[in-house]
Amino acid sequence: MEIREVLAANIKRYRRMAGLSQEELAHRAGIDRTYISAIERCRYSASVDVLDRIARQLGVDAAALLTRPSTELSE
């Protein structure tokens, strides 16, 4: 799994766990909703600053957004 795919999957998973829409997450993080959508679709990558803002709103460390699933780590 490529790092953009890891990031996309983790943002989507944590966003859904938090019960947030893309629009609400974007609003809270101070970025455009279409940017969240593009990140989740692996169209854009995010800067470290944007990752930090998204992570804060999801209540996780920024590193968690880049952590590969444990099943992939064991392969």
PDB file of N, CA and C in Angstrom:
ATOM      1  N   MET A   1       0.847  -1.174   0.000  1.00  0.00           N
ATOM      2  CA  MET A   1       0.000   0.000   0.000  1.00  0.00           C
ATOM      3  C   MET A   1       0.899   1.246   0.000  1.00  0.00           C
ATOM      4  N   GLU A   2       0.667   2.145  -0.915  1.00  0.00           N
ATOM      5  CA  GLU A   2       1.420   3.391  -1.012  1.00  0.00           C
ATOM      6  C   GLU A   2       1.058   4.315   0.148  1.00  0.00           C
ATOM      7  N   ILE A   3       1.943   5.231   0.500  1.00  0.00           N
ATOM      8  CA  ILE A   3       1.727   6.106   1.648  1.00  0.00           C
ATOM      9  C   ILE A   3       0.495   6.993   1.469  1.00  0.00           C
ATOM     10  N   ARG A   4       0.206   7.420   0.244  1.00  0.00           N
ATOM     11  CA  ARG A   4      -1.026   8.210   0.021  1.00  0.00           C
ATOM     12  C   ARG A   4      -2.269   7.377   0.310  1.00  0.00           C
ATOM     13  N   GLU A   5      -2.217   6.092  -0.029  1.00  0.00           N
ATOM     14  CA  GLU A   5      -3.341   5.201   0.250  1.00  0.00           C
ATOM     15  C   GLU A   5      -3.502   4.990   1.747  1.00  0.00           C
ATOM     16  N   VAL A   6      -2.387   4.865   2.449  1.00  0.00           N
ATOM     17  CA  VAL A   6      -2.412   4.720   3.899  1.00  0.00           C
ATOM     18  C   VAL A   6      -3.040   5.958   4.516  1.00  0.00           C
ATOM     19  N   LEU A   7      -2.586   7.134   4.103  1.00  0.00           N
ATOM     20  CA  LEU A   7      -3.115   8.391   4.615  1.00  0.00           C
ATOM     21  C   LEU A   7      -4.608   8.500   4.327  1.00  0.00           C
ATOM     22  N   ALA A   8      -5.003   8.216   3.110  1.00  0.00           N
ATOM     23  CA  ALA A   8      -6.412   8.306   2.722  1.00  0.00           C
ATOM     24  C   ALA A   8      -7.285   7.392   3.571  1.00  0.00           C
ATOM     25  N   ALA A   9      -6.864   6.158   3.708  1.00  0.00           N
ATOM     26  CA  ALA A   9      -7.643   5.187   4.480  1.00  0.00           C
ATOM     27  C   ALA A   9      -7.737   5.588   5.949  1.00  0.00           C
ATOM     28  N   ASN A  10      -6.639   6.067   6.502  1.00  0.00           N
ATOM     29  CA  ASN A  10      -6.648   6.447   7.920  1.00  0.00           C
ATOM     30  C   ASN A  10      -7.499   7.683   8.183  1.00  0.00           C
ATOM     31  N   ILE A  11      -7.403   8.674   7.327  1.00  0.00           N
ATOM     32  CA  ILE A  11      -8.246   9.862   7.520  1.00  0.00           C
ATOM     33  C   ILE A  11      -9.708   9.469   7.439  1.00  0.00           C
ATOM     34  N   LYS A  12     -10.058   8.687   6.444  1.00  0.00           N
ATOM     35  CA  LYS A  12     -11.447   8.263   6.274  1.00  0.00           C
ATOM     36  C   LYS A  12     -11.932   7.458   7.482  1.00  0.00           C
ATOM     37  N   ARG A  13     -11.084   6.534   7.949  1.00  0.00           N
ATOM     38  CA  ARG A  13     -11.465   5.695   9.093  1.00  0.00           C
ATOM     39  C   ARG A  13     -11.655   6.532  10.350  1.00  0.00           C
ATOM     40  N   TYR A  14     -10.684   7.372  10.669  1.00  0.00           N
ATOM     41  CA  TYR A  14     -10.792   8.201  11.872  1.00  0.00           C
ATOM     42  C   TYR A  14     -11.928   9.217  11.756  1.00  0.00           C
ATOM     43  N   ARG A  15     -12.147   9.747  10.568  1.00  0.00           N
ATOM     44  CA  ARG A  15     -13.247  10.701  10.355  1.00  0.00           C
ATOM     45  C   ARG A  15     -14.592  10.036  10.610  1.00  0.00           C
ATOM     46  N   ARG A  16     -14.761   8.836  10.083  1.00  0.00           N
ATOM     47  CA  ARG A  16     -16.016   8.109  10.293  1.00  0.00           C
ATOM     48  C   ARG A  16     -16.198   7.711  11.759  1.00  0.00           C
ATOM     49  N   MET A  17     -15.102   7.296  12.403  1.00  0.00           N
ATOM     50  CA  MET A  17     -15.171   6.948  13.829  1.00  0.00           C
ATOM     51  C   MET A  17     -15.596   8.161  14.662  1.00  0.00           C
ATOM     52  N   ALA A  18     -15.187   9.342  14.239  1.00  0.00           N
ATOM     53  CA  ALA A  18     -15.542  10.575  14.946  1.00  0.00           C
ATOM     54  C   ALA A  18     -16.940  11.066  14.564  1.00  0.00           C
ATOM     55  N   GLY A  19     -17.546  10.405  13.585  1.00  0.00           N
ATOM     56  CA  GLY A  19     -18.887  10.792  13.150  1.00  0.00           C
ATOM     57  C   GLY A  19     -18.913  12.115  12.399  1.00  0.00           C
ATOM     58  N   LEU A  20     -17.822  12.415  11.696  1.00  0.00           N
ATOM     59  CA  LEU A  20     -17.717  13.678  10.971  1.00  0.00           C
ATOM     60  C   LEU A  20     -17.856  13.466   9.473  1.00  0.00           C
ATOM     61  N   SER A  21     -18.521  14.398   8.824  1.00  0.00           N
ATOM     62  CA  SER A  21     -18.547  14.416   7.372  1.00  0.00           C
ATOM     63  C   SER A  21     -17.249  15.059   6.891  1.00  0.00           C
ATOM     64  N   GLN A  22     -16.965  14.913   5.617  1.00  0.00           N
ATOM     65  CA  GLN A  22     -15.807  15.597   5.046  1.00  0.00           C
ATOM     66  C   GLN A  22     -15.945  17.100   5.248  1.00  0.00           C
ATOM     67  N   GLU A  23     -17.134  17.598   5.066  1.00  0.00           N
ATOM     68  CA  GLU A  23     -17.379  19.032   5.205  1.00  0.00           C
ATOM     69  C   GLU A  23     -17.114  19.519   6.627  1.00  0.00           C
ATOM     70  N   GLU A  24     -17.599  18.776   7.605  1.00  0.00           N
ATOM     71  CA  GLU A  24     -17.394  19.176   9.001  1.00  0.00           C
ATOM     72  C   GLU A  24     -15.916  19.109   9.385  1.00  0.00           C
ATOM     73  N   LEU A  25     -15.224  18.051   8.987  1.00  0.00           N
ATOM     74  CA  LEU A  25     -13.799  17.941   9.278  1.00  0.00           C
ATOM     75  C   LEU A  25     -13.038  19.094   8.633  1.00  0.00           C
ATOM     76  N   ALA A  26     -13.347  19.376   7.388  1.00  0.00           N
ATOM     77  CA  ALA A  26     -12.681  20.462   6.679  1.00  0.00           C
ATOM     78  C   ALA A  26     -12.922  21.798   7.372  1.00  0.00           C
ATOM     79  N   HIS A  27     -14.155  22.043   7.767  1.00  0.00           N
ATOM     80  CA  HIS A  27     -14.489  23.292   8.457  1.00  0.00           C
ATOM     81  C   HIS A  27     -13.689  23.427   9.751  1.00  0.00           C
ATOM     82  N   ARG A  28     -13.666  22.367  10.538  1.00  0.00           N
ATOM     83  CA  ARG A  28     -12.943  22.396  11.810  1.00  0.00           C
ATOM     84  C   ARG A  28     -11.440  22.578  11.619  1.00  0.00           C
ATOM     85  N   ALA A  29     -10.905  21.984  10.549  1.00  0.00           N
ATOM     86  CA  ALA A  29      -9.462  22.063  10.289  1.00  0.00           C
ATOM     87  C   ALA A  29      -9.079  23.320   9.511  1.00  0.00           C
ATOM     88  N   GLY A  30     -10.080  24.083   9.060  1.00  0.00           N
ATOM     89  CA  GLY A  30      -9.806  25.309   8.336  1.00  0.00           C
ATOM     90  C   GLY A  30      -9.296  25.095   6.923  1.00  0.00           C
ATOM     91  N   ILE A  31      -9.785  24.011   6.290  1.00  0.00           N
ATOM     92  CA  ILE A  31      -9.417  23.740   4.901  1.00  0.00           C
ATOM     93  C   ILE A  31     -10.678  23.481   4.083  1.00  0.00           C
ATOM     94  N   ASP A  32     -10.546  23.429   2.785  1.00  0.00           N
ATOM     95  CA  ASP A  32     -11.694  23.231   1.909  1.00  0.00           C
ATOM     96  C   ASP A  32     -12.145  21.773   1.902  1.00  0.00           C
ATOM     97  N   ARG A  33     -13.444  21.554   1.824  1.00  0.00           N
ATOM     98  CA  ARG A  33     -13.989  20.191   1.799  1.00  0.00           C
ATOM     99  C   ARG A  33     -13.463  19.407   0.620  1.00  0.00           C
ATOM    100  N   THR A  34     -13.298  20.066  -0.511  1.00  0.00           N
ATOM    101  CA  THR A  34     -12.817  19.350  -1.691  1.00  0.00           C
ATOM    102  C   THR A  34     -11.388  18.859  -1.492  1.00  0.00           C
ATOM    103  N   TYR A  35     -10.632  19.534  -0.632  1.00  0.00           N
ATOM    104  CA  TYR A  35      -9.262  19.103  -0.332  1.00  0.00           C
ATOM    105  C   TYR A  35      -9.285  17.804   0.472  1.00  0.00           C
ATOM    106  N   ILE A  36     -10.182  17.721   1.454  1.00  0.00           N
ATOM    107  CA  ILE A  36     -10.341  16.471   2.221  1.00  0.00           C
ATOM    108  C   ILE A  36     -10.737  15.346   1.270  1.00  0.00           C
ATOM    109  N   SER A  37     -11.687  15.626   0.405  1.00  0.00           N
ATOM    110  CA  SER A  37     -12.134  14.624  -0.559  1.00  0.00           C
ATOM    111  C   SER A  37     -10.981  14.162  -1.446  1.00  0.00           C
ATOM    112  N   ALA A  38     -10.190  15.095  -1.922  1.00  0.00           N
ATOM    113  CA  ALA A  38      -9.073  14.753  -2.806  1.00  0.00           C
ATOM    114  C   ALA A  38      -8.014  13.933  -2.065  1.00  0.00           C
ATOM    115  N   ILE A  39      -7.774  14.239  -0.810  1.00  0.00           N
ATOM    116  CA  ILE A  39      -6.822  13.446  -0.025  1.00  0.00           C
ATOM    117  C   ILE A  39      -7.352  12.031   0.157  1.00  0.00           C
ATOM    118  N   GLU A  40      -8.634  11.909   0.488  1.00  0.00           N
ATOM    119  CA  GLU A  40      -9.234  10.583   0.693  1.00  0.00           C
ATOM    120  C   GLU A  40      -9.291   9.768  -0.601  1.00  0.00           C
ATOM    121  N   ARG A  41      -9.245  10.426  -1.744  1.00  0.00           N
ATOM    122  CA  ARG A  41      -9.247   9.721  -3.032  1.00  0.00           C
ATOM    123  C   ARG A  41      -7.845   9.582  -3.611  1.00  0.00           C
ATOM    124  N   CYS A  42      -6.833   9.940  -2.827  1.00  0.00           N
ATOM    125  CA  CYS A  42      -5.423   9.849  -3.237  1.00  0.00           C
ATOM    126  C   CYS A  42      -5.096  10.753  -4.424  1.00  0.00           C
ATOM    127  N   ARG A  43      -5.820  11.838  -4.582  1.00  0.00           N
ATOM    128  CA  ARG A  43      -5.555  12.789  -5.658  1.00  0.00           C
ATOM    129  C   ARG A  43      -4.508  13.819  -5.251  1.00  0.00           C
ATOM    130  N   TYR A  44      -4.539  14.209  -3.971  1.00  0.00           N
ATOM    131  CA  TYR A  44      -3.585  15.183  -3.441  1.00  0.00           C
ATOM    132  C   TYR A  44      -2.860  14.572  -2.262  1.00  0.00           C
ATOM    133  N   SER A  45      -1.663  15.068  -2.032  1.00  0.00           N
ATOM    134  CA  SER A  45      -0.983  14.757  -0.777  1.00  0.00           C
ATOM    135  C   SER A  45      -1.142  15.989   0.101  1.00  0.00           C
ATOM    136  N   ALA A  46      -0.899  15.830   1.368  1.00  0.00           N
ATOM    137  CA  ALA A  46      -1.091  16.936   2.307  1.00  0.00           C
ATOM    138  C   ALA A  46       0.237  17.355   2.903  1.00  0.00           C
ATOM    139  N   SER A  47       0.359  18.641   3.180  1.00  0.00           N
ATOM    140  CA  SER A  47       1.558  19.128   3.851  1.00  0.00           C
ATOM    141  C   SER A  47       1.543  18.667   5.313  1.00  0.00           C
ATOM    142  N   VAL A  48       2.670  18.776   5.950  1.00  0.00           N
ATOM    143  CA  VAL A  48       2.783  18.404   7.365  1.00  0.00           C
ATOM    144  C   VAL A  48       1.846  19.272   8.193  1.00  0.00           C
ATOM    145  N   ASP A  49       1.741  20.548   7.864  1.00  0.00           N
ATOM    146  CA  ASP A  49       0.859  21.447   8.606  1.00  0.00           C
ATOM    147  C   ASP A  49      -0.607  21.028   8.475  1.00  0.00           C
ATOM    148  N   VAL A  50      -1.012  20.674   7.271  1.00  0.00           N
ATOM    149  CA  VAL A  50      -2.397  20.236   7.052  1.00  0.00           C
ATOM    150  C   VAL A  50      -2.646  18.915   7.770  1.00  0.00           C
ATOM    151  N   LEU A  51      -1.693  17.996   7.701  1.00  0.00           N
ATOM    152  CA  LEU A  51      -1.831  16.727   8.430  1.00  0.00           C
ATOM    153  C   LEU A  51      -2.039  16.977   9.918  1.00  0.00           C
ATOM    154  N   ASP A  52      -1.266  17.896  10.468  1.00  0.00           N
ATOM    155  CA  ASP A  52      -1.385  18.212  11.885  1.00  0.00           C
ATOM    156  C   ASP A  52      -2.761  18.788  12.207  1.00  0.00           C
ATOM    157  N   ARG A  53      -3.262  19.670  11.375  1.00  0.00           N
ATOM    158  CA  ARG A  53      -4.589  20.264  11.616  1.00  0.00           C
ATOM    159  C   ARG A  53      -5.684  19.210  11.527  1.00  0.00           C
ATOM    160  N   ILE A  54      -5.591  18.320  10.558  1.00  0.00           N
ATOM    161  CA  ILE A  54      -6.586  17.249  10.423  1.00  0.00           C
ATOM    162  C   ILE A  54      -6.509  16.318  11.630  1.00  0.00           C
ATOM    163  N   ALA A  55      -5.296  15.909  11.984  1.00  0.00           N
ATOM    164  CA  ALA A  55      -5.118  14.995  13.115  1.00  0.00           C
ATOM    165  C   ALA A  55      -5.683  15.581  14.407  1.00  0.00           C
ATOM    166  N   ARG A  56      -5.428  16.857  14.647  1.00  0.00           N
ATOM    167  CA  ARG A  56      -5.942  17.505  15.860  1.00  0.00           C
ATOM    168  C   ARG A  56      -7.460  17.431  15.917  1.00  0.00           C
ATOM    169  N   GLN A  57      -8.098  17.663  14.787  1.00  0.00           N
ATOM    170  CA  GLN A  57      -9.562  17.633  14.755  1.00  0.00           C
ATOM    171  C   GLN A  57     -10.113  16.212  14.894  1.00  0.00           C
ATOM    172  N   LEU A  58      -9.312  15.228  14.531  1.00  0.00           N
ATOM    173  CA  LEU A  58      -9.726  13.828  14.680  1.00  0.00           C
ATOM    174  C   LEU A  58      -9.338  13.254  16.036  1.00  0.00           C
ATOM    175  N   GLY A  59      -8.559  14.018  16.798  1.00  0.00           N
ATOM    176  CA  GLY A  59      -8.154  13.576  18.130  1.00  0.00           C
ATOM    177  C   GLY A  59      -7.091  12.498  18.124  1.00  0.00           C
ATOM    178  N   VAL A  60      -6.234  12.529  17.107  1.00  0.00           N
ATOM    179  CA  VAL A  60      -5.151  11.544  17.007  1.00  0.00           C
ATOM    180  C   VAL A  60      -3.837  12.274  16.740  1.00  0.00           C
ATOM    181  N   ASP A  61      -2.730  11.572  16.943  1.00  0.00           N
ATOM    182  CA  ASP A  61      -1.428  12.110  16.566  1.00  0.00           C
ATOM    183  C   ASP A  61      -1.309  12.078  15.046  1.00  0.00           C
ATOM    184  N   ALA A  62      -0.595  13.045  14.498  1.00  0.00           N
ATOM    185  CA  ALA A  62      -0.390  13.083  13.048  1.00  0.00           C
ATOM    186  C   ALA A  62       0.264  11.787  12.560  1.00  0.00           C
ATOM    187  N   ALA A  63       1.130  11.220  13.367  1.00  0.00           N
ATOM    188  CA  ALA A  63       1.802   9.972  12.984  1.00  0.00           C
ATOM    189  C   ALA A  63       0.806   8.838  12.765  1.00  0.00           C
ATOM    190  N   ALA A  64      -0.304   8.863  13.484  1.00  0.00           N
ATOM    191  CA  ALA A  64      -1.320   7.818  13.329  1.00  0.00           C
ATOM    192  C   ALA A  64      -1.921   7.829  11.928  1.00  0.00           C
ATOM    193  N   LEU A  65      -1.948   8.997  11.306  1.00  0.00           N
ATOM    194  CA  LEU A  65      -2.505   9.090   9.956  1.00  0.00           C
ATOM    195  C   LEU A  65      -1.592   8.468   8.907  1.00  0.00           C
ATOM    196  N   LEU A  66      -0.329   8.267   9.276  1.00  0.00           N
ATOM    197  CA  LEU A  66       0.638   7.687   8.337  1.00  0.00           C
ATOM    198  C   LEU A  66       1.037   6.258   8.709  1.00  0.00           C
ATOM    199  N   THR A  67       0.403   5.712   9.720  1.00  0.00           N
ATOM    200  CA  THR A  67       0.736   4.376  10.189  1.00  0.00           C
ATOM    201  C   THR A  67       0.042   3.323   9.328  1.00  0.00           C
ATOM    202  N   ARG A  68       0.827   2.427   8.792  1.00  0.00           N
ATOM    203  CA  ARG A  68       0.275   1.355   7.952  1.00  0.00           C
ATOM    204  C   ARG A  68      -0.518   0.373   8.814  1.00  0.00           C
ATOM    205  N   PRO A  69      -1.546  -0.249   8.237  1.00  0.00           N
ATOM    206  CA  PRO A  69      -2.322  -1.245   8.986  1.00  0.00           C
ATOM    207  C   PRO A  69      -1.415  -2.368   9.487  1.00  0.00           C
ATOM    208  N   SER A  70      -1.708  -2.918  10.633  1.00  0.00           N
ATOM    209  CA  SER A  70      -0.853  -3.956  11.233  1.00  0.00           C
ATOM    210  C   SER A  70      -0.756  -5.201  10.355  1.00  0.00           C
ATOM    211  N   THR A  71      -1.782  -5.497   9.582  1.00  0.00           N
ATOM    212  CA  THR A  71      -1.714  -6.671   8.699  1.00  0.00           C
ATOM    213  C   THR A  71      -0.653  -6.494   7.629  1.00  0.00           C
ATOM    214  N   GLU A  72      -0.470  -5.259   7.176  1.00  0.00           N
ATOM    215  CA  GLU A  72       0.542  -4.989   6.160  1.00  0.00           C
ATOM    216  C   GLU A  72       1.947  -5.007   6.772  1.00  0.00           C
ATOM    217  N   LEU A  73       2.069  -4.588   8.021  1.00  0.00           N
ATOM    218  CA  LEU A  73       3.356  -4.558   8.667  1.00  0.00           C
ATOM    219  C   LEU A  73       3.929  -5.958   8.854  1.00  0.00           C
ATOM    220  N   SER A  74       3.063  -6.931   9.047  1.00  0.00           N
ATOM    221  CA  SER A  74       3.535  -8.290   9.318  1.00  0.00           C
ATOM    222  C   SER A  74       3.910  -9.042   8.037  1.00  0.00           C
ATOM    223  N   GLU A  75       3.591  -8.488   6.890  1.00  0.00           N
ATOM    224  CA  GLU A  75       3.900  -9.178   5.631  1.00  0.00           C
ATOM    225  C   GLU A  75       5.332  -8.991   5.206  1.00  0.00           C
TER     226      GLU A  75
END
